[in-house]
Amino acid sequence: MAGYFKAGWMIAIQYLYTTLNSIPGVLLIAAAVLMMQVYIDTHAEMFPTAAQRADLRLLFLCIILGLTKLDGLARLLRGESLKLSELEYIQAAHAFGVSGVRVRRATFCRTSLIS
C-alpha cells in the first residue's frame, strides 16, 4: 500500500526494512537468543520444564528469522504496487475522479485473485 501512495509511508517502510536488512543476521539471532535466555532466567517460575524453555527459544528464533527475511518480500511488494499504480487504466480512473479506495479495491483484489 505504501508503494501505491508514494508518500511518507513509503519512506518510513523502506527505512524500516533497509535498517533491518543492514543488521547482520547472525548478530541479530545471537542477541535475540541471549535476550530470551536472560528473560527465561529472570522469570524461571513461568517456565518450569526444559521443554517449555526450549519451545520459547525456538519460537523466538523463528520470529527473528522471519523478520530478517522480510526485506526481500517488502521490496517485491513495493515494486509491484508501484507498477500497478502507474498503469494507464489506474491513472485514467484517477482522472475521472474515482476514489482511491475504490481503485485499490478493484485493482489489487482482482490482481491478487488472478495471480
PDB file of N, CA and C in Angstrom:
ATOM      1  N   MET A   1       0.823  -1.190   0.000  1.00  0.00           N
ATOM      2  CA  MET A   1       0.000   0.000   0.000  1.00  0.00           C
ATOM      3  C   MET A   1       0.868   1.255   0.000  1.00  0.00           C
ATOM      4  N   ALA A   2       2.026   1.182   0.668  1.00  0.00           N
ATOM      5  CA  ALA A   2       2.883   2.359   0.719  1.00  0.00           C
ATOM      6  C   ALA A   2       3.425   2.697  -0.660  1.00  0.00           C
ATOM      7  N   GLY A   3       3.696   1.681  -1.477  1.00  0.00           N
ATOM      8  CA  GLY A   3       4.171   1.934  -2.824  1.00  0.00           C
ATOM      9  C   GLY A   3       3.110   2.586  -3.689  1.00  0.00           C
ATOM     10  N   TYR A   4       1.851   2.316  -3.412  1.00  0.00           N
ATOM     11  CA  TYR A   4       0.757   2.898  -4.183  1.00  0.00           C
ATOM     12  C   TYR A   4       0.617   4.382  -3.884  1.00  0.00           C
ATOM     13  N   PHE A   5       0.736   4.761  -2.633  1.00  0.00           N
ATOM     14  CA  PHE A   5       0.543   6.155  -2.257  1.00  0.00           C
ATOM     15  C   PHE A   5       1.752   7.029  -2.537  1.00  0.00           C
ATOM     16  N   LYS A   6       2.942   6.446  -2.553  1.00  0.00           N
ATOM     17  CA  LYS A   6       4.183   7.175  -2.832  1.00  0.00           C
ATOM     18  C   LYS A   6       4.337   8.384  -1.912  1.00  0.00           C
ATOM     19  N   ALA A   7       4.110   8.208  -0.656  1.00  0.00           N
ATOM     20  CA  ALA A   7       4.178   9.324   0.281  1.00  0.00           C
ATOM     21  C   ALA A   7       5.131   8.983   1.411  1.00  0.00           C
ATOM     22  N   GLY A   8       4.913   9.620   2.539  1.00  0.00           N
ATOM     23  CA  GLY A   8       5.767   9.418   3.700  1.00  0.00           C
ATOM     24  C   GLY A   8       5.765   7.991   4.207  1.00  0.00           C
ATOM     25  N   TRP A   9       4.643   7.279   4.004  1.00  0.00           N
ATOM     26  CA  TRP A   9       4.590   5.883   4.444  1.00  0.00           C
ATOM     27  C   TRP A   9       5.608   5.036   3.710  1.00  0.00           C
ATOM     28  N   MET A  10       5.775   5.298   2.423  1.00  0.00           N
ATOM     29  CA  MET A  10       6.729   4.519   1.641  1.00  0.00           C
ATOM     30  C   MET A  10       8.137   4.739   2.171  1.00  0.00           C
ATOM     31  N   ILE A  11       8.452   5.959   2.510  1.00  0.00           N
ATOM     32  CA  ILE A  11       9.781   6.270   3.035  1.00  0.00           C
ATOM     33  C   ILE A  11       9.979   5.583   4.378  1.00  0.00           C
ATOM     34  N   ALA A  12       8.970   5.617   5.238  1.00  0.00           N
ATOM     35  CA  ALA A  12       9.092   5.005   6.566  1.00  0.00           C
ATOM     36  C   ALA A  12       9.243   3.492   6.463  1.00  0.00           C
ATOM     37  N   ILE A  13       8.447   2.845   5.624  1.00  0.00           N
ATOM     38  CA  ILE A  13       8.529   1.389   5.485  1.00  0.00           C
ATOM     39  C   ILE A  13       9.841   0.993   4.830  1.00  0.00           C
ATOM     40  N   GLN A  14      10.278   1.757   3.834  1.00  0.00           N
ATOM     41  CA  GLN A  14      11.550   1.465   3.183  1.00  0.00           C
ATOM     42  C   GLN A  14      12.705   1.628   4.163  1.00  0.00           C
ATOM     43  N   TYR A  15      12.651   2.651   5.008  1.00  0.00           N
ATOM     44  CA  TYR A  15      13.680   2.846   6.026  1.00  0.00           C
ATOM     45  C   TYR A  15      13.697   1.681   7.011  1.00  0.00           C
ATOM     46  N   LEU A  16      12.513   1.213   7.392  1.00  0.00           N
ATOM     47  CA  LEU A  16      12.418   0.117   8.354  1.00  0.00           C
ATOM     48  C   LEU A  16      13.048  -1.155   7.805  1.00  0.00           C
ATOM     49  N   TYR A  17      12.693  -1.562   6.599  1.00  0.00           N
ATOM     50  CA  TYR A  17      13.258  -2.819   6.109  1.00  0.00           C
ATOM     51  C   TYR A  17      14.697  -2.674   5.657  1.00  0.00           C
ATOM     52  N   THR A  18      15.142  -1.479   5.279  1.00  0.00           N
ATOM     53  CA  THR A  18      16.553  -1.284   4.968  1.00  0.00           C
ATOM     54  C   THR A  18      17.386  -1.358   6.239  1.00  0.00           C
ATOM     55  N   THR A  19      16.893  -0.771   7.317  1.00  0.00           N
ATOM     56  CA  THR A  19      17.599  -0.830   8.593  1.00  0.00           C
ATOM     57  C   THR A  19      17.662  -2.262   9.100  1.00  0.00           C
ATOM     58  N   LEU A  20      16.568  -2.985   8.992  1.00  0.00           N
ATOM     59  CA  LEU A  20      16.544  -4.378   9.425  1.00  0.00           C
ATOM     60  C   LEU A  20      17.499  -5.226   8.589  1.00  0.00           C
ATOM     61  N   ASN A  21      17.604  -4.915   7.314  1.00  0.00           N
ATOM     62  CA  ASN A  21      18.486  -5.659   6.424  1.00  0.00           C
ATOM     63  C   ASN A  21      19.954  -5.350   6.689  1.00  0.00           C
ATOM     64  N   SER A  22      20.252  -4.167   7.243  1.00  0.00           N
ATOM     65  CA  SER A  22      21.643  -3.787   7.472  1.00  0.00           C
ATOM     66  C   SER A  22      22.250  -4.489   8.693  1.00  0.00           C
ATOM     67  N   ILE A  23      21.424  -5.029   9.563  1.00  0.00           N
ATOM     68  CA  ILE A  23      21.928  -5.743  10.740  1.00  0.00           C
ATOM     69  C   ILE A  23      22.318  -7.150  10.305  1.00  0.00           C
ATOM     70  N   PRO A  24      23.538  -7.580  10.584  1.00  0.00           N
ATOM     71  CA  PRO A  24      23.923  -8.952  10.213  1.00  0.00           C
ATOM     72  C   PRO A  24      23.021  -9.974  10.893  1.00  0.00           C
ATOM     73  N   GLY A  25      22.577 -10.954  10.144  1.00  0.00           N
ATOM     74  CA  GLY A  25      21.622 -11.932  10.652  1.00  0.00           C
ATOM     75  C   GLY A  25      22.133 -12.724  11.835  1.00  0.00           C
ATOM     76  N   VAL A  26      23.396 -13.136  11.774  1.00  0.00           N
ATOM     77  CA  VAL A  26      23.960 -13.933  12.868  1.00  0.00           C
ATOM     78  C   VAL A  26      24.022 -13.115  14.151  1.00  0.00           C
ATOM     79  N   LEU A  27      24.397 -11.852  14.032  1.00  0.00           N
ATOM     80  CA  LEU A  27      24.469 -10.988  15.208  1.00  0.00           C
ATOM     81  C   LEU A  27      23.082 -10.760  15.803  1.00  0.00           C
ATOM     82  N   LEU A  28      22.103 -10.548  14.944  1.00  0.00           N
ATOM     83  CA  LEU A  28      20.736 -10.342  15.422  1.00  0.00           C
ATOM     84  C   LEU A  28      20.201 -11.592  16.113  1.00  0.00           C
ATOM     85  N   ILE A  29      20.457 -12.745  15.532  1.00  0.00           N
ATOM     86  CA  ILE A  29      19.998 -14.006  16.129  1.00  0.00           C
ATOM     87  C   ILE A  29      20.673 -14.237  17.472  1.00  0.00           C
ATOM     88  N   ALA A  30      21.983 -14.007  17.536  1.00  0.00           N
ATOM     89  CA  ALA A  30      22.705 -14.206  18.797  1.00  0.00           C
ATOM     90  C   ALA A  30      22.189 -13.260  19.878  1.00  0.00           C
ATOM     91  N   ALA A  31      21.961 -12.000  19.530  1.00  0.00           N
ATOM     92  CA  ALA A  31      21.457 -11.037  20.513  1.00  0.00           C
ATOM     93  C   ALA A  31      20.050 -11.406  20.975  1.00  0.00           C
ATOM     94  N   ALA A  32      19.210 -11.848  20.043  1.00  0.00           N
ATOM     95  CA  ALA A  32      17.839 -12.216  20.403  1.00  0.00           C
ATOM     96  C   ALA A  32      17.801 -13.439  21.307  1.00  0.00           C
ATOM     97  N   VAL A  33      18.619 -14.441  21.000  1.00  0.00           N
ATOM     98  CA  VAL A  33      18.656 -15.649  21.833  1.00  0.00           C
ATOM     99  C   VAL A  33      19.202 -15.314  23.225  1.00  0.00           C
ATOM    100  N   LEU A  34      20.194 -14.432  23.280  1.00  0.00           N
ATOM    101  CA  LEU A  34      20.738 -14.020  24.576  1.00  0.00           C
ATOM    102  C   LEU A  34      19.692 -13.262  25.387  1.00  0.00           C
ATOM    103  N   MET A  35      18.945 -12.383  24.740  1.00  0.00           N
ATOM    104  CA  MET A  35      17.887 -11.653  25.449  1.00  0.00           C
ATOM    105  C   MET A  35      16.816 -12.611  25.968  1.00  0.00           C
ATOM    106  N   MET A  36      16.477 -13.597  25.154  1.00  0.00           N
ATOM    107  CA  MET A  36      15.475 -14.574  25.574  1.00  0.00           C
ATOM    108  C   MET A  36      15.989 -15.402  26.749  1.00  0.00           C
ATOM    109  N   GLN A  37      17.265 -15.743  26.725  1.00  0.00           N
ATOM    110  CA  GLN A  37      17.841 -16.516  27.826  1.00  0.00           C
ATOM    111  C   GLN A  37      17.817 -15.718  29.127  1.00  0.00           C
ATOM    112  N   VAL A  38      18.112 -14.436  29.029  1.00  0.00           N
ATOM    113  CA  VAL A  38      18.056 -13.579  30.224  1.00  0.00           C
ATOM    114  C   VAL A  38      16.625 -13.489  30.744  1.00  0.00           C
ATOM    115  N   TYR A  39      15.666 -13.372  29.849  1.00  0.00           N
ATOM    116  CA  TYR A  39      14.269 -13.317  30.264  1.00  0.00           C
ATOM    117  C   TYR A  39      13.848 -14.619  30.937  1.00  0.00           C
ATOM    118  N   ILE A  40      14.258 -15.734  30.379  1.00  0.00           N
ATOM    119  CA  ILE A  40      13.913 -17.035  30.967  1.00  0.00           C
ATOM    120  C   ILE A  40      14.549 -17.183  32.338  1.00  0.00           C
ATOM    121  N   ASP A  41      15.796 -16.735  32.488  1.00  0.00           N
ATOM    122  CA  ASP A  41      16.480 -16.845  33.781  1.00  0.00           C
ATOM    123  C   ASP A  41      15.839 -15.962  34.842  1.00  0.00           C
ATOM    124  N   THR A  42      15.386 -14.779  34.460  1.00  0.00           N
ATOM    125  CA  THR A  42      14.787 -13.885  35.461  1.00  0.00           C
ATOM    126  C   THR A  42      13.341 -14.256  35.786  1.00  0.00           C
ATOM    127  N   HIS A  43      12.680 -14.991  34.894  1.00  0.00           N
ATOM    128  CA  HIS A  43      11.294 -15.430  35.123  1.00  0.00           C
ATOM    129  C   HIS A  43      11.223 -16.953  35.091  1.00  0.00           C
ATOM    130  N   ALA A  44      12.018 -17.584  35.898  1.00  0.00           N
ATOM    131  CA  ALA A  44      12.106 -19.048  35.895  1.00  0.00           C
ATOM    132  C   ALA A  44      10.801 -19.720  36.297  1.00  0.00           C
ATOM    133  N   GLU A  45       9.995 -19.052  37.104  1.00  0.00           N
ATOM    134  CA  GLU A  45       8.744 -19.669  37.545  1.00  0.00           C
ATOM    135  C   GLU A  45       7.733 -19.809  36.401  1.00  0.00           C
ATOM    136  N   MET A  46       7.889 -19.041  35.338  1.00  0.00           N
ATOM    137  CA  MET A  46       6.977 -19.135  34.197  1.00  0.00           C
ATOM    138  C   MET A  46       7.287 -20.337  33.299  1.00  0.00           C
ATOM    139  N   PHE A  47       8.517 -20.849  33.398  1.00  0.00           N
ATOM    140  CA  PHE A  47       8.956 -21.951  32.539  1.00  0.00           C
ATOM    141  C   PHE A  47       9.542 -23.063  33.400  1.00  0.00           C
ATOM    142  N   PRO A  48       8.687 -23.907  33.978  1.00  0.00           N
ATOM    143  CA  PRO A  48       9.181 -24.914  34.923  1.00  0.00           C
ATOM    144  C   PRO A  48       9.954 -26.057  34.265  1.00  0.00           C
ATOM    145  N   THR A  49       9.677 -26.366  33.010  1.00  0.00           N
ATOM    146  CA  THR A  49      10.352 -27.508  32.389  1.00  0.00           C
ATOM    147  C   THR A  49      11.321 -27.032  31.307  1.00  0.00           C
ATOM    148  N   ALA A  50      12.285 -27.896  31.019  1.00  0.00           N
ATOM    149  CA  ALA A  50      13.261 -27.574  29.978  1.00  0.00           C
ATOM    150  C   ALA A  50      12.605 -27.534  28.602  1.00  0.00           C
ATOM    151  N   ALA A  51      11.560 -28.335  28.416  1.00  0.00           N
ATOM    152  CA  ALA A  51      10.860 -28.354  27.129  1.00  0.00           C
ATOM    153  C   ALA A  51      10.168 -27.013  26.857  1.00  0.00           C
ATOM    154  N   GLN A  52       9.593 -26.404  27.873  1.00  0.00           N
ATOM    155  CA  GLN A  52       8.942 -25.109  27.708  1.00  0.00           C
ATOM    156  C   GLN A  52       9.971 -24.030  27.376  1.00  0.00           C
ATOM    157  N   ARG A  53      11.115 -24.079  28.030  1.00  0.00           N
ATOM    158  CA  ARG A  53      12.172 -23.109  27.738  1.00  0.00           C
ATOM    159  C   ARG A  53      12.685 -23.279  26.308  1.00  0.00           C
ATOM    160  N   ALA A  54      12.863 -24.524  25.883  1.00  0.00           N
ATOM    161  CA  ALA A  54      13.346 -24.788  24.526  1.00  0.00           C
ATOM    162  C   ALA A  54      12.321 -24.356  23.487  1.00  0.00           C
ATOM    163  N   ASP A  55      11.041 -24.584  23.773  1.00  0.00           N
ATOM    164  CA  ASP A  55       9.988 -24.165  22.838  1.00  0.00           C
ATOM    165  C   ASP A  55       9.961 -22.652  22.684  1.00  0.00           C
ATOM    166  N   LEU A  56      10.121 -21.937  23.777  1.00  0.00           N
ATOM    167  CA  LEU A  56      10.121 -20.481  23.708  1.00  0.00           C
ATOM    168  C   LEU A  56      11.319 -19.974  22.913  1.00  0.00           C
ATOM    169  N   ARG A  57      12.479 -20.554  23.140  1.00  0.00           N
ATOM    170  CA  ARG A  57      13.667 -20.152  22.377  1.00  0.00           C
ATOM    171  C   ARG A  57      13.481 -20.419  20.891  1.00  0.00           C
ATOM    172  N   LEU A  58      12.911 -21.562  20.547  1.00  0.00           N
ATOM    173  CA  LEU A  58      12.687 -21.908  19.139  1.00  0.00           C
ATOM    174  C   LEU A  58      11.678 -20.962  18.498  1.00  0.00           C
ATOM    175  N   LEU A  59      10.615 -20.646  19.211  1.00  0.00           N
ATOM    176  CA  LEU A  59       9.622 -19.708  18.697  1.00  0.00           C
ATOM    177  C   LEU A  59      10.243 -18.345  18.434  1.00  0.00           C
ATOM    178  N   PHE A  60      11.024 -17.872  19.381  1.00  0.00           N
ATOM    179  CA  PHE A  60      11.667 -16.564  19.236  1.00  0.00           C
ATOM    180  C   PHE A  60      12.666 -16.578  18.079  1.00  0.00           C
ATOM    181  N   LEU A  61      13.385 -17.671  17.917  1.00  0.00           N
ATOM    182  CA  LEU A  61      14.324 -17.800  16.806  1.00  0.00           C
ATOM    183  C   LEU A  61      13.586 -17.776  15.467  1.00  0.00           C
ATOM    184  N   CYS A  62      12.451 -18.444  15.383  1.00  0.00           N
ATOM    185  CA  CYS A  62      11.655 -18.429  14.145  1.00  0.00           C
ATOM    186  C   CYS A  62      11.138 -17.030  13.836  1.00  0.00           C
ATOM    187  N   ILE A  63      10.726 -16.303  14.858  1.00  0.00           N
ATOM    188  CA  ILE A  63      10.251 -14.928  14.652  1.00  0.00           C
ATOM    189  C   ILE A  63      11.378 -14.046  14.137  1.00  0.00           C
ATOM    190  N   ILE A  64      12.559 -14.150  14.723  1.00  0.00           N
ATOM    191  CA  ILE A  64      13.705 -13.347  14.282  1.00  0.00           C
ATOM    192  C   ILE A  64      14.098 -13.704  12.853  1.00  0.00           C
ATOM    193  N   LEU A  65      14.130 -14.991  12.533  1.00  0.00           N
ATOM    194  CA  LEU A  65      14.458 -15.389  11.163  1.00  0.00           C
ATOM    195  C   LEU A  65      13.417 -14.868  10.176  1.00  0.00           C
ATOM    196  N   GLY A  66      12.164 -14.902  10.550  1.00  0.00           N
ATOM    197  CA  GLY A  66      11.120 -14.372   9.682  1.00  0.00           C
ATOM    198  C   GLY A  66      11.252 -12.880   9.458  1.00  0.00           C
ATOM    199  N   LEU A  67      11.588 -12.142  10.514  1.00  0.00           N
ATOM    200  CA  LEU A  67      11.756 -10.694  10.377  1.00  0.00           C
ATOM    201  C   LEU A  67      12.949 -10.337   9.507  1.00  0.00           C
ATOM    202  N   THR A  68      14.023 -11.106   9.609  1.00  0.00           N
ATOM    203  CA  THR A  68      15.207 -10.781   8.814  1.00  0.00           C
ATOM    204  C   THR A  68      15.019 -11.115   7.339  1.00  0.00           C
ATOM    205  N   LYS A  69      14.084 -11.981   7.011  1.00  0.00           N
ATOM    206  CA  LYS A  69      13.857 -12.348   5.613  1.00  0.00           C
ATOM    207  C   LYS A  69      12.719 -11.554   4.969  1.00  0.00           C
ATOM    208  N   LEU A  70      12.125 -10.635   5.710  1.00  0.00           N
ATOM    209  CA  LEU A  70      11.011  -9.864   5.183  1.00  0.00           C
ATOM    210  C   LEU A  70      11.423  -8.794   4.187  1.00  0.00           C
ATOM    211  N   ASP A  71      12.681  -8.387   4.184  1.00  0.00           N
ATOM    212  CA  ASP A  71      13.080  -7.275   3.336  1.00  0.00           C
ATOM    213  C   ASP A  71      12.926  -7.601   1.857  1.00  0.00           C
ATOM    214  N   GLY A  72      13.249  -8.808   1.445  1.00  0.00           N
ATOM    215  CA  GLY A  72      13.087  -9.179   0.042  1.00  0.00           C
ATOM    216  C   GLY A  72      11.631  -9.153  -0.385  1.00  0.00           C
ATOM    217  N   LEU A  73      10.756  -9.670   0.461  1.00  0.00           N
ATOM    218  CA  LEU A  73       9.327  -9.651   0.171  1.00  0.00           C
ATOM    219  C   LEU A  73       8.796  -8.218   0.140  1.00  0.00           C
ATOM    220  N   ALA A  74       9.274  -7.383   1.063  1.00  0.00           N
ATOM    221  CA  ALA A  74       8.815  -5.992   1.101  1.00  0.00           C
ATOM    222  C   ALA A  74       9.237  -5.250  -0.162  1.00  0.00           C
ATOM    223  N   ARG A  75      10.445  -5.491  -0.642  1.00  0.00           N
ATOM    224  CA  ARG A  75      10.898  -4.845  -1.875  1.00  0.00           C
ATOM    225  C   ARG A  75      10.076  -5.311  -3.074  1.00  0.00           C
ATOM    226  N   LEU A  76       9.788  -6.596  -3.124  1.00  0.00           N
ATOM    227  CA  LEU A  76       8.994  -7.138  -4.225  1.00  0.00           C
ATOM    228  C   LEU A  76       7.588  -6.545  -4.225  1.00  0.00           C
ATOM    229  N   LEU A  77       6.942  -6.519  -3.074  1.00  0.00           N
ATOM    230  CA  LEU A  77       5.585  -5.972  -2.982  1.00  0.00           C
ATOM    231  C   LEU A  77       5.557  -4.479  -3.284  1.00  0.00           C
ATOM    232  N   ARG A  78       6.567  -3.756  -2.845  1.00  0.00           N
ATOM    233  CA  ARG A  78       6.641  -2.326  -3.138  1.00  0.00           C
ATOM    234  C   ARG A  78       6.778  -2.098  -4.640  1.00  0.00           C
ATOM    235  N   GLY A  79       7.633  -2.863  -5.286  1.00  0.00           N
ATOM    236  CA  GLY A  79       7.805  -2.727  -6.725  1.00  0.00           C
ATOM    237  C   GLY A  79       6.537  -3.048  -7.496  1.00  0.00           C
ATOM    238  N   GLU A  80       5.834  -4.094  -7.070  1.00  0.00           N
ATOM    239  CA  GLU A  80       4.595  -4.459  -7.746  1.00  0.00           C
ATOM    240  C   GLU A  80       3.518  -3.395  -7.551  1.00  0.00           C
ATOM    241  N   SER A  81       3.428  -2.836  -6.357  1.00  0.00           N
ATOM    242  CA  SER A  81       2.408  -1.807  -6.137  1.00  0.00           C
ATOM    243  C   SER A  81       2.752  -0.523  -6.886  1.00  0.00           C
ATOM    244  N   LEU A  82       4.050  -0.206  -7.012  1.00  0.00           N
ATOM    245  CA  LEU A  82       4.438   0.947  -7.825  1.00  0.00           C
ATOM    246  C   LEU A  82       4.090   0.714  -9.287  1.00  0.00           C
ATOM    247  N   LYS A  83       4.315  -0.510  -9.750  1.00  0.00           N
ATOM    248  CA  LYS A  83       3.989  -0.847 -11.135  1.00  0.00           C
ATOM    249  C   LYS A  83       2.486  -0.724 -11.380  1.00  0.00           C
ATOM    250  N   LEU A  84       1.696  -1.239 -10.450  1.00  0.00           N
ATOM    251  CA  LEU A  84       0.241  -1.176 -10.613  1.00  0.00           C
ATOM    252  C   LEU A  84      -0.273   0.263 -10.587  1.00  0.00           C
ATOM    253  N   SER A  85       0.328   1.096  -9.742  1.00  0.00           N
ATOM    254  CA  SER A  85      -0.174   2.467  -9.641  1.00  0.00           C
ATOM    255  C   SER A  85       0.128   3.292 -10.883  1.00  0.00           C
ATOM    256  N   GLU A  86       1.076   2.852 -11.698  1.00  0.00           N
ATOM    257  CA  GLU A  86       1.434   3.595 -12.903  1.00  0.00           C
ATOM    258  C   GLU A  86       0.722   3.085 -14.159  1.00  0.00           C
ATOM    259  N   LEU A  87      -0.117   2.081 -14.037  1.00  0.00           N
ATOM    260  CA  LEU A  87      -0.824   1.578 -15.209  1.00  0.00           C
ATOM    261  C   LEU A  87      -1.804   2.630 -15.739  1.00  0.00           C
ATOM    262  N   GLU A  88      -2.060   2.573 -17.048  1.00  0.00           N
ATOM    263  CA  GLU A  88      -2.867   3.613 -17.688  1.00  0.00           C
ATOM    264  C   GLU A  88      -4.301   3.633 -17.174  1.00  0.00           C
ATOM    265  N   TYR A  89      -4.899   2.473 -16.960  1.00  0.00           N
ATOM    266  CA  TYR A  89      -6.296   2.487 -16.521  1.00  0.00           C
ATOM    267  C   TYR A  89      -6.442   2.987 -15.085  1.00  0.00           C
ATOM    268  N   ILE A  90      -5.384   2.864 -14.281  1.00  0.00           N
ATOM    269  CA  ILE A  90      -5.425   3.426 -12.917  1.00  0.00           C
ATOM    270  C   ILE A  90      -5.355   4.949 -13.001  1.00  0.00           C
ATOM    271  N   GLN A  91      -4.463   5.442 -13.832  1.00  0.00           N
ATOM    272  CA  GLN A  91      -4.351   6.890 -13.994  1.00  0.00           C
ATOM    273  C   GLN A  91      -5.618   7.468 -14.605  1.00  0.00           C
ATOM    274  N   ALA A  92      -6.233   6.732 -15.534  1.00  0.00           N
ATOM    275  CA  ALA A  92      -7.494   7.189 -16.130  1.00  0.00           C
ATOM    276  C   ALA A  92      -8.605   7.230 -15.081  1.00  0.00           C
ATOM    277  N   ALA A  93      -8.637   6.242 -14.216  1.00  0.00           N
ATOM    278  CA  ALA A  93      -9.656   6.235 -13.154  1.00  0.00           C
ATOM    279  C   ALA A  93      -9.472   7.433 -12.233  1.00  0.00           C
ATOM    280  N   HIS A  94      -8.234   7.761 -11.902  1.00  0.00           N
ATOM    281  CA  HIS A  94      -7.981   8.945 -11.074  1.00  0.00           C
ATOM    282  C   HIS A  94      -8.397  10.220 -11.814  1.00  0.00           C
ATOM    283  N   ALA A  95      -8.154  10.255 -13.125  1.00  0.00           N
ATOM    284  CA  ALA A  95      -8.529  11.434 -13.908  1.00  0.00           C
ATOM    285  C   ALA A  95     -10.042  11.612 -13.950  1.00  0.00           C
ATOM    286  N   PHE A  96     -10.792  10.515 -13.933  1.00  0.00           N
ATOM    287  CA  PHE A  96     -12.249  10.595 -13.923  1.00  0.00           C
ATOM    288  C   PHE A  96     -12.820  10.853 -12.534  1.00  0.00           C
ATOM    289  N   GLY A  97     -11.966  10.887 -11.525  1.00  0.00           N
ATOM    290  CA  GLY A  97     -12.415  11.222 -10.181  1.00  0.00           C
ATOM    291  C   GLY A  97     -12.841  10.042  -9.329  1.00  0.00           C
ATOM    292  N   VAL A  98     -12.468   8.828  -9.718  1.00  0.00           N
ATOM    293  CA  VAL A  98     -12.799   7.654  -8.913  1.00  0.00           C
ATOM    294  C   VAL A  98     -11.967   7.712  -7.633  1.00  0.00           C
ATOM    295  N   SER A  99     -12.574   7.379  -6.519  1.00  0.00           N
ATOM    296  CA  SER A  99     -11.866   7.470  -5.238  1.00  0.00           C
ATOM    297  C   SER A  99     -10.737   6.446  -5.161  1.00  0.00           C
ATOM    298  N   GLY A 100      -9.737   6.783  -4.373  1.00  0.00           N
ATOM    299  CA  GLY A 100      -8.586   5.906  -4.236  1.00  0.00           C
ATOM    300  C   GLY A 100      -8.935   4.562  -3.634  1.00  0.00           C
ATOM    301  N   VAL A 101      -9.880   4.541  -2.705  1.00  0.00           N
ATOM    302  CA  VAL A 101     -10.286   3.282  -2.071  1.00  0.00           C
ATOM    303  C   VAL A 101     -10.921   2.354  -3.107  1.00  0.00           C
ATOM    304  N   ARG A 102     -11.753   2.906  -3.944  1.00  0.00           N
ATOM    305  CA  ARG A 102     -12.429   2.094  -4.953  1.00  0.00           C
ATOM    306  C   ARG A 102     -11.438   1.559  -5.994  1.00  0.00           C
ATOM    307  N   VAL A 103     -10.470   2.380  -6.376  1.00  0.00           N
ATOM    308  CA  VAL A 103      -9.455   1.939  -7.337  1.00  0.00           C
ATOM    309  C   VAL A 103      -8.613   0.823  -6.739  1.00  0.00           C
ATOM    310  N   ARG A 104      -8.192   0.995  -5.500  1.00  0.00           N
ATOM    311  CA  ARG A 104      -7.378  -0.044  -4.844  1.00  0.00           C
ATOM    312  C   ARG A 104      -8.149  -1.345  -4.712  1.00  0.00           C
ATOM    313  N   ARG A 105      -9.397  -1.245  -4.290  1.00  0.00           N
ATOM    314  CA  ARG A 105     -10.190  -2.455  -4.126  1.00  0.00           C
ATOM    315  C   ARG A 105     -10.367  -3.177  -5.455  1.00  0.00           C
ATOM    316  N   ALA A 106     -10.679  -2.439  -6.490  1.00  0.00           N
ATOM    317  CA  ALA A 106     -10.914  -3.054  -7.798  1.00  0.00           C
ATOM    318  C   ALA A 106      -9.632  -3.621  -8.399  1.00  0.00           C
ATOM    319  N   THR A 107      -8.541  -2.917  -8.239  1.00  0.00           N
ATOM    320  CA  THR A 107      -7.301  -3.331  -8.887  1.00  0.00           C
ATOM    321  C   THR A 107      -6.558  -4.391  -8.096  1.00  0.00           C
ATOM    322  N   PHE A 108      -6.274  -4.111  -6.851  1.00  0.00           N
ATOM    323  CA  PHE A 108      -5.430  -5.012  -6.077  1.00  0.00           C
ATOM    324  C   PHE A 108      -6.135  -6.322  -5.753  1.00  0.00           C
ATOM    325  N   CYS A 109      -7.420  -6.261  -5.497  1.00  0.00           N
ATOM    326  CA  CYS A 109      -8.132  -7.511  -5.214  1.00  0.00           C
ATOM    327  C   CYS A 109      -8.190  -8.401  -6.452  1.00  0.00           C
ATOM    328  N   ARG A 110      -8.477  -7.814  -7.594  1.00  0.00           N
ATOM    329  CA  ARG A 110      -8.523  -8.608  -8.814  1.00  0.00           C
ATOM    330  C   ARG A 110      -7.139  -9.147  -9.178  1.00  0.00           C
ATOM    331  N   THR A 111      -6.123  -8.323  -9.012  1.00  0.00           N
ATOM    332  CA  THR A 111      -4.762  -8.744  -9.346  1.00  0.00           C
ATOM    333  C   THR A 111      -4.319  -9.878  -8.436  1.00  0.00           C
ATOM    334  N   SER A 112      -4.649  -9.806  -7.156  1.00  0.00           N
ATOM    335  CA  SER A 112      -4.235 -10.865  -6.242  1.00  0.00           C
ATOM    336  C   SER A 112      -5.010 -12.151  -6.492  1.00  0.00           C
ATOM    337  N   LEU A 113      -6.243 -12.049  -6.953  1.00  0.00           N
ATOM    338  CA  LEU A 113      -7.008 -13.270  -7.258  1.00  0.00           C
ATOM    339  C   LEU A 113      -6.540 -13.928  -8.538  1.00  0.00           C
ATOM    340  N   ILE A 114      -6.074 -13.141  -9.493  1.00  0.00           N
ATOM    341  CA  ILE A 114      -5.597 -13.692 -10.760  1.00  0.00           C
ATOM    342  C   ILE A 114      -4.263 -14.381 -10.581  1.00  0.00           C
ATOM    343  N   SER A 115      -3.378 -13.791  -9.780  1.00  0.00           N
ATOM    344  CA  SER A 115      -2.032 -14.336  -9.596  1.00  0.00           C
ATOM    345  C   SER A 115      -2.081 -15.634  -8.962  1.00  0.00           C
TER     346      SER A 115
END
